[in-house]
């Protein structure tokens, strides 16, 4: 039912199709680019956690500051 729930022969057929489309000489570069993309995604998802904590703390600090609508106008 899942996307990657493929058997052995399905993977072989998929690999043959990829070889036909991209060719053997371009395949290493393709997989290298794919690996770098996955690595960047993982790094970005790890870096997001500290930012989320900082964003959660910002509204509490900004609630103490007066808003421009609270100031009297002349």
PDB file of N, CA and C in Angstrom:
ATOM      1  N   UNK A   1       0.806  -1.188   0.000  1.00  0.00           N
ATOM      2  CA  UNK A   1       0.000   0.000   0.000  1.00  0.00           C
ATOM      3  C   UNK A   1       0.859   1.265   0.000  1.00  0.00           C
ATOM      4  N   UNK A   2       2.011   1.231   0.684  1.00  0.00           N
ATOM      5  CA  UNK A   2       2.863   2.399   0.771  1.00  0.00           C
ATOM      6  C   UNK A   2       3.622   2.645  -0.521  1.00  0.00           C
ATOM      7  N   UNK A   3       4.223   3.795  -0.611  1.00  0.00           N
ATOM      8  CA  UNK A   3       4.953   4.184  -1.819  1.00  0.00           C
ATOM      9  C   UNK A   3       6.172   3.301  -2.051  1.00  0.00           C
ATOM     10  N   UNK A   4       6.916   3.005  -1.014  1.00  0.00           N
ATOM     11  CA  UNK A   4       8.134   2.216  -1.156  1.00  0.00           C
ATOM     12  C   UNK A   4       7.928   0.747  -0.837  1.00  0.00           C
ATOM     13  N   UNK A   5       6.727   0.292  -0.873  1.00  0.00           N
ATOM     14  CA  UNK A   5       6.426  -1.103  -0.601  1.00  0.00           C
ATOM     15  C   UNK A   5       6.545  -1.896  -1.898  1.00  0.00           C
ATOM     16  N   UNK A   6       7.766  -1.960  -2.436  1.00  0.00           N
ATOM     17  CA  UNK A   6       8.016  -2.644  -3.694  1.00  0.00           C
ATOM     18  C   UNK A   6       8.792  -3.920  -3.440  1.00  0.00           C
ATOM     19  N   UNK A   7       8.517  -4.937  -4.259  1.00  0.00           N
ATOM     20  CA  UNK A   7       9.239  -6.196  -4.164  1.00  0.00           C
ATOM     21  C   UNK A   7      10.544  -6.139  -4.933  1.00  0.00           C
ATOM     22  N   UNK A   8      11.247  -7.241  -4.965  1.00  0.00           N
ATOM     23  CA  UNK A   8      12.552  -7.303  -5.625  1.00  0.00           C
ATOM     24  C   UNK A   8      12.496  -7.027  -7.113  1.00  0.00           C
ATOM     25  N   UNK A   9      11.545  -7.650  -7.802  1.00  0.00           N
ATOM     26  CA  UNK A   9      11.454  -7.463  -9.248  1.00  0.00           C
ATOM     27  C   UNK A   9      11.027  -6.049  -9.611  1.00  0.00           C
ATOM     28  N   UNK A  10      10.210  -5.431  -8.804  1.00  0.00           N
ATOM     29  CA  UNK A  10       9.804  -4.051  -9.080  1.00  0.00           C
ATOM     30  C   UNK A  10      11.003  -3.100  -9.004  1.00  0.00           C
ATOM     31  N   UNK A  11      11.879  -3.339  -8.027  1.00  0.00           N
ATOM     32  CA  UNK A  11      13.090  -2.516  -7.918  1.00  0.00           C
ATOM     33  C   UNK A  11      14.003  -2.725  -9.114  1.00  0.00           C
ATOM     34  N   UNK A  12      14.126  -3.960  -9.581  1.00  0.00           N
ATOM     35  CA  UNK A  12      14.969  -4.254 -10.751  1.00  0.00           C
ATOM     36  C   UNK A  12      14.414  -3.546 -11.977  1.00  0.00           C
ATOM     37  N   UNK A  13      13.116  -3.629 -12.176  1.00  0.00           N
ATOM     38  CA  UNK A  13      12.492  -2.961 -13.328  1.00  0.00           C
ATOM     39  C   UNK A  13      12.661  -1.458 -13.227  1.00  0.00           C
ATOM     40  N   UNK A  14      12.491  -0.904 -12.041  1.00  0.00           N
ATOM     41  CA  UNK A  14      12.669   0.527 -11.821  1.00  0.00           C
ATOM     42  C   UNK A  14      14.101   0.953 -12.118  1.00  0.00           C
ATOM     43  N   UNK A  15      15.076   0.164 -11.687  1.00  0.00           N
ATOM     44  CA  UNK A  15      16.478   0.477 -11.952  1.00  0.00           C
ATOM     45  C   UNK A  15      16.786   0.432 -13.443  1.00  0.00           C
ATOM     46  N   UNK A  16      16.226  -0.549 -14.161  1.00  0.00           N
ATOM     47  CA  UNK A  16      16.438  -0.638 -15.613  1.00  0.00           C
ATOM     48  C   UNK A  16      15.851   0.583 -16.314  1.00  0.00           C
ATOM     49  N   UNK A  17      14.675   1.020 -15.894  1.00  0.00           N
ATOM     50  CA  UNK A  17      14.054   2.202 -16.492  1.00  0.00           C
ATOM     51  C   UNK A  17      14.913   3.440 -16.245  1.00  0.00           C
ATOM     52  N   UNK A  18      15.434   3.577 -15.032  1.00  0.00           N
ATOM     53  CA  UNK A  18      16.301   4.721 -14.709  1.00  0.00           C
ATOM     54  C   UNK A  18      17.569   4.676 -15.545  1.00  0.00           C
ATOM     55  N   UNK A  19      18.156   3.503 -15.727  1.00  0.00           N
ATOM     56  CA  UNK A  19      19.351   3.368 -16.559  1.00  0.00           C
ATOM     57  C   UNK A  19      19.063   3.739 -18.005  1.00  0.00           C
ATOM     58  N   UNK A  20      17.913   3.360 -18.514  1.00  0.00           N
ATOM     59  CA  UNK A  20      17.557   3.693 -19.893  1.00  0.00           C
ATOM     60  C   UNK A  20      17.365   5.196 -20.048  1.00  0.00           C
ATOM     61  N   UNK A  21      16.697   5.816 -19.092  1.00  0.00           N
ATOM     62  CA  UNK A  21      16.410   7.254 -19.198  1.00  0.00           C
ATOM     63  C   UNK A  21      17.668   8.091 -19.031  1.00  0.00           C
ATOM     64  N   UNK A  22      18.449   7.832 -17.991  1.00  0.00           N
ATOM     65  CA  UNK A  22      19.580   8.701 -17.678  1.00  0.00           C
ATOM     66  C   UNK A  22      20.906   8.203 -18.226  1.00  0.00           C
ATOM     67  N   UNK A  23      21.043   6.936 -18.472  1.00  0.00           N
ATOM     68  CA  UNK A  23      22.306   6.398 -18.960  1.00  0.00           C
ATOM     69  C   UNK A  23      23.266   6.135 -17.813  1.00  0.00           C
ATOM     70  N   UNK A  24      24.194   5.227 -18.041  1.00  0.00           N
ATOM     71  CA  UNK A  24      25.133   4.828 -17.000  1.00  0.00           C
ATOM     72  C   UNK A  24      26.131   5.905 -16.620  1.00  0.00           C
ATOM     73  N   UNK A  25      26.476   6.783 -17.563  1.00  0.00           N
ATOM     74  CA  UNK A  25      27.497   7.795 -17.270  1.00  0.00           C
ATOM     75  C   UNK A  25      26.953   8.934 -16.408  1.00  0.00           C
ATOM     76  N   UNK A  26      25.668   9.236 -16.492  1.00  0.00           N
ATOM     77  CA  UNK A  26      25.094  10.338 -15.726  1.00  0.00           C
ATOM     78  C   UNK A  26      24.555   9.895 -14.374  1.00  0.00           C
ATOM     79  N   UNK A  27      24.450   8.594 -14.153  1.00  0.00           N
ATOM     80  CA  UNK A  27      23.857   8.083 -12.918  1.00  0.00           C
ATOM     81  C   UNK A  27      24.639   8.464 -11.658  1.00  0.00           C
ATOM     82  N   UNK A  28      25.977   8.362 -11.627  1.00  0.00           N
ATOM     83  CA  UNK A  28      26.696   8.758 -10.396  1.00  0.00           C
ATOM     84  C   UNK A  28      26.474  10.219 -10.015  1.00  0.00           C
ATOM     85  N   UNK A  29      26.469  11.102 -10.997  1.00  0.00           N
ATOM     86  CA  UNK A  29      26.215  12.516 -10.714  1.00  0.00           C
ATOM     87  C   UNK A  29      24.813  12.756 -10.208  1.00  0.00           C
ATOM     88  N   UNK A  30      23.863  12.001 -10.744  1.00  0.00           N
ATOM     89  CA  UNK A  30      22.476  12.123 -10.308  1.00  0.00           C
ATOM     90  C   UNK A  30      22.321  11.698  -8.855  1.00  0.00           C
ATOM     91  N   UNK A  31      22.921  10.567  -8.503  1.00  0.00           N
ATOM     92  CA  UNK A  31      22.817  10.090  -7.126  1.00  0.00           C
ATOM     93  C   UNK A  31      23.601  10.977  -6.160  1.00  0.00           C
ATOM     94  N   UNK A  32      24.698  11.572  -6.624  1.00  0.00           N
ATOM     95  CA  UNK A  32      25.461  12.488  -5.783  1.00  0.00           C
ATOM     96  C   UNK A  32      24.624  13.731  -5.466  1.00  0.00           C
ATOM     97  N   UNK A  33      23.965  14.260  -6.480  1.00  0.00           N
ATOM     98  CA  UNK A  33      23.108  15.432  -6.270  1.00  0.00           C
ATOM     99  C   UNK A  33      21.937  15.089  -5.355  1.00  0.00           C
ATOM    100  N   UNK A  34      21.379  13.905  -5.519  1.00  0.00           N
ATOM    101  CA  UNK A  34      20.282  13.465  -4.668  1.00  0.00           C
ATOM    102  C   UNK A  34      20.744  13.338  -3.215  1.00  0.00           C
ATOM    103  N   UNK A  35      21.927  12.774  -3.013  1.00  0.00           N
ATOM    104  CA  UNK A  35      22.473  12.635  -1.664  1.00  0.00           C
ATOM    105  C   UNK A  35      22.744  13.974  -1.009  1.00  0.00           C
ATOM    106  N   UNK A  36      23.263  14.929  -1.787  1.00  0.00           N
ATOM    107  CA  UNK A  36      23.514  16.261  -1.237  1.00  0.00           C
ATOM    108  C   UNK A  36      22.210  16.956  -0.858  1.00  0.00           C
ATOM    109  N   UNK A  37      21.181  16.756  -1.662  1.00  0.00           N
ATOM    110  CA  UNK A  37      19.883  17.346  -1.350  1.00  0.00           C
ATOM    111  C   UNK A  37      19.302  16.784  -0.063  1.00  0.00           C
ATOM    112  N   UNK A  38      19.435  15.478   0.118  1.00  0.00           N
ATOM    113  CA  UNK A  38      18.937  14.846   1.347  1.00  0.00           C
ATOM    114  C   UNK A  38      19.729  15.344   2.544  1.00  0.00           C
ATOM    115  N   UNK A  39      21.044  15.497   2.389  1.00  0.00           N
ATOM    116  CA  UNK A  39      21.880  15.990   3.485  1.00  0.00           C
ATOM    117  C   UNK A  39      21.508  17.422   3.866  1.00  0.00           C
ATOM    118  N   UNK A  40      21.291  18.276   2.866  1.00  0.00           N
ATOM    119  CA  UNK A  40      20.894  19.651   3.151  1.00  0.00           C
ATOM    120  C   UNK A  40      19.535  19.708   3.832  1.00  0.00           C
ATOM    121  N   UNK A  41      18.624  18.834   3.426  1.00  0.00           N
ATOM    122  CA  UNK A  41      17.306  18.791   4.057  1.00  0.00           C
ATOM    123  C   UNK A  41      17.414  18.393   5.514  1.00  0.00           C
ATOM    124  N   UNK A  42      18.247  17.395   5.800  1.00  0.00           N
ATOM    125  CA  UNK A  42      18.423  16.962   7.191  1.00  0.00           C
ATOM    126  C   UNK A  42      19.053  18.063   8.023  1.00  0.00           C
ATOM    127  N   UNK A  43      20.077  18.741   7.460  1.00  0.00           N
ATOM    128  CA  UNK A  43      20.719  19.831   8.190  1.00  0.00           C
ATOM    129  C   UNK A  43      19.736  20.963   8.462  1.00  0.00           C
ATOM    130  N   UNK A  44      18.902  21.268   7.490  1.00  0.00           N
ATOM    131  CA  UNK A  44      17.932  22.346   7.664  1.00  0.00           C
ATOM    132  C   UNK A  44      16.886  21.972   8.700  1.00  0.00           C
ATOM    133  N   UNK A  45      16.489  20.722   8.725  1.00  0.00           N
ATOM    134  CA  UNK A  45      15.484  20.319   9.710  1.00  0.00           C
ATOM    135  C   UNK A  45      16.073  20.292  11.116  1.00  0.00           C
ATOM    136  N   UNK A  46      17.356  19.993  11.252  1.00  0.00           N
ATOM    137  CA  UNK A  46      17.998  20.040  12.564  1.00  0.00           C
ATOM    138  C   UNK A  46      18.167  21.480  13.027  1.00  0.00           C
ATOM    139  N   UNK A  47      18.489  22.385  12.115  1.00  0.00           N
ATOM    140  CA  UNK A  47      18.689  23.787  12.462  1.00  0.00           C
ATOM    141  C   UNK A  47      17.383  24.485  12.788  1.00  0.00           C
ATOM    142  N   UNK A  48      16.269  23.942  12.344  1.00  0.00           N
ATOM    143  CA  UNK A  48      14.988  24.592  12.554  1.00  0.00           C
ATOM    144  C   UNK A  48      14.553  24.541  14.016  1.00  0.00           C
ATOM    145  N   UNK A  49      14.935  23.530  14.742  1.00  0.00           N
ATOM    146  CA  UNK A  49      14.505  23.387  16.132  1.00  0.00           C
ATOM    147  C   UNK A  49      14.956  24.544  17.019  1.00  0.00           C
ATOM    148  N   UNK A  50      16.224  24.987  16.996  1.00  0.00           N
ATOM    149  CA  UNK A  50      16.594  26.140  17.824  1.00  0.00           C
ATOM    150  C   UNK A  50      15.865  27.417  17.401  1.00  0.00           C
ATOM    151  N   UNK A  51      15.617  27.576  16.105  1.00  0.00           N
ATOM    152  CA  UNK A  51      14.891  28.749  15.638  1.00  0.00           C
ATOM    153  C   UNK A  51      13.466  28.738  16.162  1.00  0.00           C
ATOM    154  N   UNK A  52      12.872  27.576  16.203  1.00  0.00           N
ATOM    155  CA  UNK A  52      11.497  27.473  16.698  1.00  0.00           C
ATOM    156  C   UNK A  52      11.440  27.872  18.168  1.00  0.00           C
ATOM    157  N   UNK A  53      12.445  27.502  18.943  1.00  0.00           N
ATOM    158  CA  UNK A  53      12.475  27.885  20.349  1.00  0.00           C
ATOM    159  C   UNK A  53      12.624  29.391  20.492  1.00  0.00           C
ATOM    160  N   UNK A  54      13.466  29.994  19.640  1.00  0.00           N
ATOM    161  CA  UNK A  54      13.656  31.435  19.700  1.00  0.00           C
ATOM    162  C   UNK A  54      12.378  32.161  19.301  1.00  0.00           C
ATOM    163  N   UNK A  55      11.673  31.652  18.287  1.00  0.00           N
ATOM    164  CA  UNK A  55      10.423  32.275  17.855  1.00  0.00           C
ATOM    165  C   UNK A  55       9.363  32.174  18.942  1.00  0.00           C
ATOM    166  N   UNK A  56       9.364  31.085  19.694  1.00  0.00           N
ATOM    167  CA  UNK A  56       8.387  30.919  20.764  1.00  0.00           C
ATOM    168  C   UNK A  56       8.645  31.907  21.900  1.00  0.00           C
ATOM    169  N   UNK A  57       9.893  32.286  22.106  1.00  0.00           N
ATOM    170  CA  UNK A  57      10.231  33.227  23.166  1.00  0.00           C
ATOM    171  C   UNK A  57       9.992  34.676  22.750  1.00  0.00           C
ATOM    172  N   UNK A  58      10.020  34.988  21.484  1.00  0.00           N
ATOM    173  CA  UNK A  58       9.861  36.361  21.013  1.00  0.00           C
ATOM    174  C   UNK A  58       8.512  36.969  21.381  1.00  0.00           C
ATOM    175  N   UNK A  59       7.383  36.293  21.192  1.00  0.00           N
ATOM    176  CA  UNK A  59       6.108  36.941  21.537  1.00  0.00           C
ATOM    177  C   UNK A  59       6.011  37.304  23.013  1.00  0.00           C
ATOM    178  N   UNK A  60       6.591  36.532  23.896  1.00  0.00           N
ATOM    179  CA  UNK A  60       6.541  36.850  25.315  1.00  0.00           C
ATOM    180  C   UNK A  60       7.319  38.130  25.596  1.00  0.00           C
ATOM    181  N   UNK A  61       8.443  38.324  24.957  1.00  0.00           N
ATOM    182  CA  UNK A  61       9.247  39.523  25.164  1.00  0.00           C
ATOM    183  C   UNK A  61       8.594  40.731  24.512  1.00  0.00           C
ATOM    184  N   UNK A  62       7.977  40.558  23.362  1.00  0.00           N
ATOM    185  CA  UNK A  62       7.375  41.694  22.679  1.00  0.00           C
ATOM    186  C   UNK A  62       6.052  42.110  23.312  1.00  0.00           C
ATOM    187  N   UNK A  63       5.435  41.245  24.122  1.00  0.00           N
ATOM    188  CA  UNK A  63       4.175  41.599  24.771  1.00  0.00           C
ATOM    189  C   UNK A  63       4.389  42.698  25.808  1.00  0.00           C
ATOM    190  N   UNK A  64       5.592  42.817  26.346  1.00  0.00           N
ATOM    191  CA  UNK A  64       5.879  43.826  27.350  1.00  0.00           C
ATOM    192  C   UNK A  64       6.079  45.205  26.734  1.00  0.00           C
ATOM    193  N   UNK A  65       6.459  45.248  25.452  1.00  0.00           N
ATOM    194  CA  UNK A  65       6.695  46.515  24.790  1.00  0.00           C
ATOM    195  C   UNK A  65       5.359  47.136  24.384  1.00  0.00           C
ATOM    196  N   UNK A  66       5.218  48.453  24.545  1.00  0.00           N
ATOM    197  CA  UNK A  66       3.968  49.095  24.118  1.00  0.00           C
ATOM    198  C   UNK A  66       3.853  49.083  22.599  1.00  0.00           C
ATOM    199  N   UNK A  67       2.649  48.895  22.124  1.00  0.00           N
ATOM    200  CA  UNK A  67       2.416  48.913  20.688  1.00  0.00           C
ATOM    201  C   UNK A  67       2.196  50.342  20.225  1.00  0.00           C
ATOM    202  N   UNK A  68       2.353  50.545  18.931  1.00  0.00           N
ATOM    203  CA  UNK A  68       2.165  51.887  18.406  1.00  0.00           C
ATOM    204  C   UNK A  68       0.713  52.336  18.533  1.00  0.00           C
ATOM    205  N   UNK A  69      -0.243  51.392  18.543  1.00  0.00           N
ATOM    206  CA  UNK A  69      -1.654  51.756  18.688  1.00  0.00           C
ATOM    207  C   UNK A  69      -1.988  52.149  20.136  1.00  0.00           C
ATOM    208  N   UNK A  70      -1.137  51.741  21.112  1.00  0.00           N
ATOM    209  CA  UNK A  70      -1.371  52.087  22.507  1.00  0.00           C
ATOM    210  C   UNK A  70      -0.907  53.514  22.831  1.00  0.00           C
ATOM    211  N   UNK A  71      -0.046  54.058  22.001  1.00  0.00           N
ATOM    212  CA  UNK A  71       0.480  55.395  22.264  1.00  0.00           C
ATOM    213  C   UNK A  71      -0.566  56.441  21.899  1.00  0.00           C
ATOM    214  N   UNK A  72      -0.677  57.497  22.719  1.00  0.00           N
ATOM    215  CA  UNK A  72      -1.636  58.546  22.392  1.00  0.00           C
ATOM    216  C   UNK A  72      -1.147  59.337  21.187  1.00  0.00           C
ATOM    217  N   UNK A  73      -2.073  59.751  20.362  1.00  0.00           N
ATOM    218  CA  UNK A  73      -1.720  60.549  19.188  1.00  0.00           C
ATOM    219  C   UNK A  73      -2.017  61.992  19.474  1.00  0.00           C
ATOM    220  N   UNK A  74      -1.277  62.894  18.846  1.00  0.00           N
ATOM    221  CA  UNK A  74      -1.439  64.320  19.098  1.00  0.00           C
ATOM    222  C   UNK A  74      -2.464  64.951  18.222  1.00  0.00           C
TER     223      UNK A  74
END
